[in-house]
Amino acid sequence: MFRSWVLLFGLIPIDYDDFTLVELDPGRGFLEDSRLFSMSEWRHRRTVSPLGSGSLVRDEVSFVPRWPLTGPLLAAAYRLAFEYRHRTLRRLFGVARPGHD
């Protein structure tokens, strides 16, 4: 669909994503299957499910790094990025659950 640049601190280009949307279920989620400079495969499924008076957002990501030794570092970086994203979504749109930020 398009190329999106990944920016460190919102300024320095460190990667790109050749974004491909495979499935779109409006209001319920999507499936992305893309290629990045750092990864030969990137698959991201987001599902949004009703939960009480709010929603449950779930991201499932799998990837194959171009350079195998970078796998653990990339996995840790993306884990932190998605944890931050979900904290931000809870802060902006929801109420924190007990035991979670």
N, C-alpha and C. Protein backbone atom coordinates (compact mmCIF):
# COMPACT_ATOMS: atom_id res chain seq x y z
N MET A 1 0.83 -1.20 0.00
CA MET A 1 0.00 0.00 0.00
C MET A 1 0.87 1.26 0.00
N PHE A 2 1.87 1.30 0.90
CA PHE A 2 2.73 2.46 0.97
C PHE A 2 3.96 2.13 1.81
N ARG A 3 4.95 3.00 1.77
CA ARG A 3 6.15 2.87 2.60
C ARG A 3 6.06 3.89 3.73
N SER A 4 6.27 3.41 4.94
CA SER A 4 6.26 4.27 6.12
C SER A 4 7.64 4.19 6.79
N TRP A 5 8.17 5.33 7.17
CA TRP A 5 9.48 5.36 7.81
C TRP A 5 9.33 5.24 9.32
N VAL A 6 10.19 4.45 9.94
CA VAL A 6 10.25 4.29 11.40
C VAL A 6 11.31 5.29 11.87
N LEU A 7 10.89 6.21 12.75
CA LEU A 7 11.77 7.28 13.19
C LEU A 7 12.14 7.13 14.66
N LEU A 8 13.41 7.17 14.96
CA LEU A 8 13.90 7.15 16.33
C LEU A 8 13.67 8.53 16.92
N PHE A 9 12.99 8.57 18.08
CA PHE A 9 12.64 9.84 18.74
C PHE A 9 11.82 10.75 17.83
N GLY A 10 11.14 10.16 16.85
CA GLY A 10 10.31 10.93 15.95
C GLY A 10 11.09 11.76 14.94
N LEU A 11 12.42 11.55 14.87
CA LEU A 11 13.24 12.39 14.00
C LEU A 11 14.18 11.64 13.07
N ILE A 12 14.82 10.59 13.57
CA ILE A 12 15.90 9.93 12.84
C ILE A 12 15.39 8.65 12.18
N PRO A 13 15.40 8.58 10.84
CA PRO A 13 14.92 7.35 10.18
C PRO A 13 15.86 6.18 10.46
N ILE A 14 15.29 5.09 11.01
CA ILE A 14 16.10 3.91 11.33
C ILE A 14 15.61 2.65 10.61
N ASP A 15 14.43 2.72 10.02
CA ASP A 15 13.89 1.55 9.32
C ASP A 15 12.74 2.05 8.45
N TYR A 16 12.27 1.20 7.57
CA TYR A 16 11.07 1.51 6.80
C TYR A 16 10.17 0.28 6.81
N ASP A 17 8.90 0.52 6.56
CA ASP A 17 7.88 -0.53 6.53
C ASP A 17 7.14 -0.42 5.21
N ASP A 18 7.28 -1.43 4.36
CA ASP A 18 6.46 -1.51 3.15
C ASP A 18 5.16 -2.15 3.57
N PHE A 19 4.20 -1.32 3.94
CA PHE A 19 2.96 -1.71 4.59
C PHE A 19 2.01 -2.38 3.61
N THR A 20 1.50 -3.55 4.00
CA THR A 20 0.50 -4.27 3.21
C THR A 20 -0.64 -4.69 4.13
N LEU A 21 -1.81 -4.16 3.88
CA LEU A 21 -3.00 -4.52 4.65
C LEU A 21 -3.65 -5.72 3.97
N VAL A 22 -3.75 -6.83 4.69
CA VAL A 22 -4.29 -8.07 4.13
C VAL A 22 -5.79 -8.17 4.40
N GLU A 23 -6.18 -7.82 5.62
CA GLU A 23 -7.59 -7.88 6.01
C GLU A 23 -7.94 -6.64 6.81
N LEU A 24 -9.16 -6.18 6.66
CA LEU A 24 -9.68 -5.07 7.46
C LEU A 24 -11.09 -5.42 7.87
N ASP A 25 -11.32 -5.43 9.16
CA ASP A 25 -12.65 -5.67 9.71
C ASP A 25 -13.01 -4.41 10.50
N PRO A 26 -13.66 -3.44 9.86
CA PRO A 26 -13.91 -2.15 10.50
C PRO A 26 -14.51 -2.28 11.91
N GLY A 27 -13.89 -1.58 12.84
CA GLY A 27 -14.35 -1.60 14.22
C GLY A 27 -13.91 -2.82 15.00
N ARG A 28 -13.29 -3.81 14.32
CA ARG A 28 -12.90 -5.05 15.00
C ARG A 28 -11.42 -5.39 14.84
N GLY A 29 -10.74 -4.84 13.81
CA GLY A 29 -9.33 -5.12 13.71
C GLY A 29 -8.81 -5.20 12.29
N PHE A 30 -7.57 -5.67 12.18
CA PHE A 30 -6.91 -5.77 10.89
C PHE A 30 -5.81 -6.82 10.94
N LEU A 31 -5.32 -7.17 9.76
CA LEU A 31 -4.15 -8.03 9.61
C LEU A 31 -3.22 -7.34 8.64
N GLU A 32 -1.98 -7.12 9.09
CA GLU A 32 -0.94 -6.50 8.27
C GLU A 32 0.14 -7.54 8.02
N ASP A 33 0.59 -7.63 6.80
CA ASP A 33 1.67 -8.55 6.43
C ASP A 33 2.65 -7.75 5.58
N SER A 34 3.75 -7.29 6.20
CA SER A 34 4.62 -6.32 5.55
C SER A 34 6.07 -6.77 5.52
N ARG A 35 6.87 -5.97 4.86
CA ARG A 35 8.32 -6.17 4.81
C ARG A 35 8.99 -4.90 5.31
N LEU A 36 10.04 -5.08 6.07
CA LEU A 36 10.82 -3.95 6.56
C LEU A 36 12.26 -4.14 6.15
N PHE A 37 13.04 -3.09 6.24
CA PHE A 37 14.47 -3.22 5.97
C PHE A 37 15.08 -4.22 6.95
N SER A 38 14.65 -4.18 8.20
CA SER A 38 15.21 -5.04 9.24
C SER A 38 14.58 -6.43 9.30
N MET A 39 13.45 -6.64 8.62
CA MET A 39 12.74 -7.91 8.70
C MET A 39 12.26 -8.37 7.33
N SER A 40 12.47 -9.64 7.07
CA SER A 40 11.96 -10.18 5.81
C SER A 40 10.47 -10.49 5.91
N GLU A 41 9.98 -10.68 7.12
CA GLU A 41 8.54 -10.90 7.33
C GLU A 41 8.11 -10.19 8.61
N TRP A 42 6.95 -9.56 8.54
CA TRP A 42 6.33 -8.89 9.68
C TRP A 42 4.84 -9.11 9.56
N ARG A 43 4.24 -9.75 10.55
CA ARG A 43 2.81 -10.03 10.54
C ARG A 43 2.23 -9.48 11.84
N HIS A 44 1.25 -8.61 11.71
CA HIS A 44 0.64 -7.96 12.86
C HIS A 44 -0.87 -8.05 12.75
N ARG A 45 -1.46 -8.72 13.72
CA ARG A 45 -2.93 -8.81 13.78
C ARG A 45 -3.39 -8.05 15.02
N ARG A 46 -4.31 -7.12 14.81
CA ARG A 46 -4.93 -6.41 15.92
C ARG A 46 -6.39 -6.79 15.95
N THR A 47 -6.88 -7.15 17.13
CA THR A 47 -8.30 -7.42 17.31
C THR A 47 -8.82 -6.53 18.44
N VAL A 48 -10.01 -6.03 18.24
CA VAL A 48 -10.69 -5.20 19.23
C VAL A 48 -12.00 -5.90 19.55
N SER A 49 -12.19 -6.22 20.84
CA SER A 49 -13.39 -6.95 21.27
C SER A 49 -14.09 -6.16 22.36
N PRO A 50 -15.43 -6.14 22.33
CA PRO A 50 -16.17 -5.47 23.41
C PRO A 50 -15.85 -6.13 24.75
N LEU A 51 -15.71 -5.33 25.79
CA LEU A 51 -15.43 -5.84 27.13
C LEU A 51 -16.09 -4.90 28.13
N GLY A 52 -17.20 -5.33 28.70
CA GLY A 52 -17.91 -4.47 29.64
C GLY A 52 -18.29 -3.17 28.96
N SER A 53 -17.91 -2.05 29.60
CA SER A 53 -18.23 -0.74 29.03
C SER A 53 -17.11 -0.23 28.12
N GLY A 54 -16.10 -1.07 27.85
CA GLY A 54 -14.98 -0.67 27.03
C GLY A 54 -14.65 -1.70 25.97
N SER A 55 -13.38 -1.82 25.69
CA SER A 55 -12.90 -2.75 24.67
C SER A 55 -11.59 -3.39 25.11
N LEU A 56 -11.35 -4.57 24.59
CA LEU A 56 -10.07 -5.25 24.77
C LEU A 56 -9.33 -5.16 23.45
N VAL A 57 -8.11 -4.58 23.48
CA VAL A 57 -7.28 -4.46 22.29
C VAL A 57 -6.16 -5.49 22.43
N ARG A 58 -6.02 -6.31 21.40
CA ARG A 58 -4.99 -7.35 21.42
C ARG A 58 -4.16 -7.26 20.15
N ASP A 59 -2.85 -7.20 20.31
CA ASP A 59 -1.93 -7.20 19.19
C ASP A 59 -1.13 -8.49 19.21
N GLU A 60 -1.10 -9.17 18.08
CA GLU A 60 -0.28 -10.37 17.93
C GLU A 60 0.71 -10.08 16.81
N VAL A 61 2.00 -10.23 17.12
CA VAL A 61 3.04 -9.91 16.15
C VAL A 61 3.97 -11.11 15.99
N SER A 62 4.31 -11.41 14.75
CA SER A 62 5.37 -12.39 14.48
C SER A 62 6.26 -11.79 13.40
N PHE A 63 7.54 -12.11 13.45
CA PHE A 63 8.46 -11.55 12.47
C PHE A 63 9.67 -12.45 12.28
N VAL A 64 10.31 -12.27 11.14
CA VAL A 64 11.55 -12.97 10.82
C VAL A 64 12.58 -11.89 10.49
N PRO A 65 13.57 -11.70 11.39
CA PRO A 65 14.57 -10.67 11.12
C PRO A 65 15.48 -11.07 9.95
N ARG A 66 15.94 -10.08 9.21
CA ARG A 66 16.88 -10.34 8.11
C ARG A 66 18.21 -10.85 8.63
N TRP A 67 18.59 -10.40 9.81
CA TRP A 67 19.85 -10.81 10.43
C TRP A 67 19.49 -11.49 11.75
N PRO A 68 19.55 -12.83 11.81
CA PRO A 68 19.06 -13.60 12.95
C PRO A 68 19.55 -13.12 14.32
N LEU A 69 20.76 -12.63 14.40
CA LEU A 69 21.28 -12.19 15.70
C LEU A 69 20.54 -10.98 16.26
N THR A 70 19.81 -10.26 15.39
CA THR A 70 19.06 -9.09 15.86
C THR A 70 17.70 -9.46 16.44
N GLY A 71 17.28 -10.70 16.28
CA GLY A 71 15.96 -11.14 16.73
C GLY A 71 15.63 -10.81 18.18
N PRO A 72 16.49 -11.19 19.14
CA PRO A 72 16.16 -10.90 20.54
C PRO A 72 16.07 -9.40 20.84
N LEU A 73 16.94 -8.61 20.23
CA LEU A 73 16.90 -7.16 20.45
C LEU A 73 15.62 -6.57 19.87
N LEU A 74 15.26 -6.98 18.65
CA LEU A 74 14.03 -6.48 18.02
C LEU A 74 12.80 -6.93 18.81
N ALA A 75 12.79 -8.17 19.28
CA ALA A 75 11.65 -8.66 20.07
C ALA A 75 11.47 -7.81 21.33
N ALA A 76 12.56 -7.50 22.01
CA ALA A 76 12.47 -6.68 23.22
C ALA A 76 12.00 -5.27 22.89
N ALA A 77 12.52 -4.69 21.82
CA ALA A 77 12.13 -3.33 21.44
C ALA A 77 10.65 -3.26 21.08
N TYR A 78 10.16 -4.22 20.31
CA TYR A 78 8.75 -4.20 19.94
C TYR A 78 7.84 -4.52 21.12
N ARG A 79 8.28 -5.37 22.03
CA ARG A 79 7.49 -5.64 23.24
C ARG A 79 7.31 -4.33 24.02
N LEU A 80 8.40 -3.59 24.21
CA LEU A 80 8.31 -2.31 24.92
C LEU A 80 7.42 -1.32 24.16
N ALA A 81 7.55 -1.27 22.85
CA ALA A 81 6.73 -0.33 22.06
C ALA A 81 5.24 -0.65 22.18
N PHE A 82 4.88 -1.92 22.11
CA PHE A 82 3.46 -2.28 22.21
C PHE A 82 2.94 -2.10 23.63
N GLU A 83 3.77 -2.37 24.65
CA GLU A 83 3.35 -2.11 26.03
C GLU A 83 3.08 -0.62 26.22
N TYR A 84 3.97 0.22 25.68
CA TYR A 84 3.77 1.67 25.76
C TYR A 84 2.49 2.08 25.03
N ARG A 85 2.29 1.54 23.84
CA ARG A 85 1.09 1.86 23.06
C ARG A 85 -0.18 1.49 23.83
N HIS A 86 -0.19 0.32 24.45
CA HIS A 86 -1.39 -0.11 25.18
C HIS A 86 -1.61 0.72 26.44
N ARG A 87 -0.54 1.11 27.14
CA ARG A 87 -0.67 2.01 28.30
C ARG A 87 -1.27 3.33 27.86
N THR A 88 -0.80 3.84 26.71
CA THR A 88 -1.30 5.11 26.20
C THR A 88 -2.78 4.99 25.83
N LEU A 89 -3.16 3.90 25.19
CA LEU A 89 -4.58 3.70 24.85
C LEU A 89 -5.44 3.64 26.11
N ARG A 90 -4.97 2.93 27.15
CA ARG A 90 -5.73 2.87 28.40
C ARG A 90 -5.86 4.24 29.03
N ARG A 91 -4.76 5.01 29.02
CA ARG A 91 -4.78 6.35 29.62
C ARG A 91 -5.74 7.27 28.86
N LEU A 92 -5.74 7.20 27.53
CA LEU A 92 -6.56 8.09 26.73
C LEU A 92 -8.03 7.69 26.67
N PHE A 93 -8.29 6.38 26.62
CA PHE A 93 -9.66 5.93 26.32
C PHE A 93 -10.28 5.03 27.37
N GLY A 94 -9.54 4.61 28.36
CA GLY A 94 -10.12 3.64 29.29
C GLY A 94 -9.71 3.87 30.71
N VAL A 95 -10.15 2.97 31.52
CA VAL A 95 -9.84 2.98 32.93
C VAL A 95 -8.86 1.85 33.17
N ALA A 96 -7.79 2.15 33.88
CA ALA A 96 -6.80 1.12 34.18
C ALA A 96 -7.45 0.02 35.01
N ARG A 97 -7.09 -1.21 34.68
CA ARG A 97 -7.59 -2.35 35.44
C ARG A 97 -6.71 -2.55 36.67
N PRO A 98 -7.24 -3.07 37.75
CA PRO A 98 -6.41 -3.34 38.93
C PRO A 98 -5.22 -4.21 38.55
N GLY A 99 -4.04 -3.81 39.02
CA GLY A 99 -2.83 -4.58 38.72
C GLY A 99 -2.17 -4.20 37.41
N HIS A 100 -2.73 -3.25 36.69
CA HIS A 100 -2.16 -2.78 35.42
C HIS A 100 -2.03 -1.27 35.49
N ASP A 101 -1.13 -0.67 34.65
CA ASP A 101 -1.05 0.80 34.67
C ASP A 101 -2.16 1.40 33.86
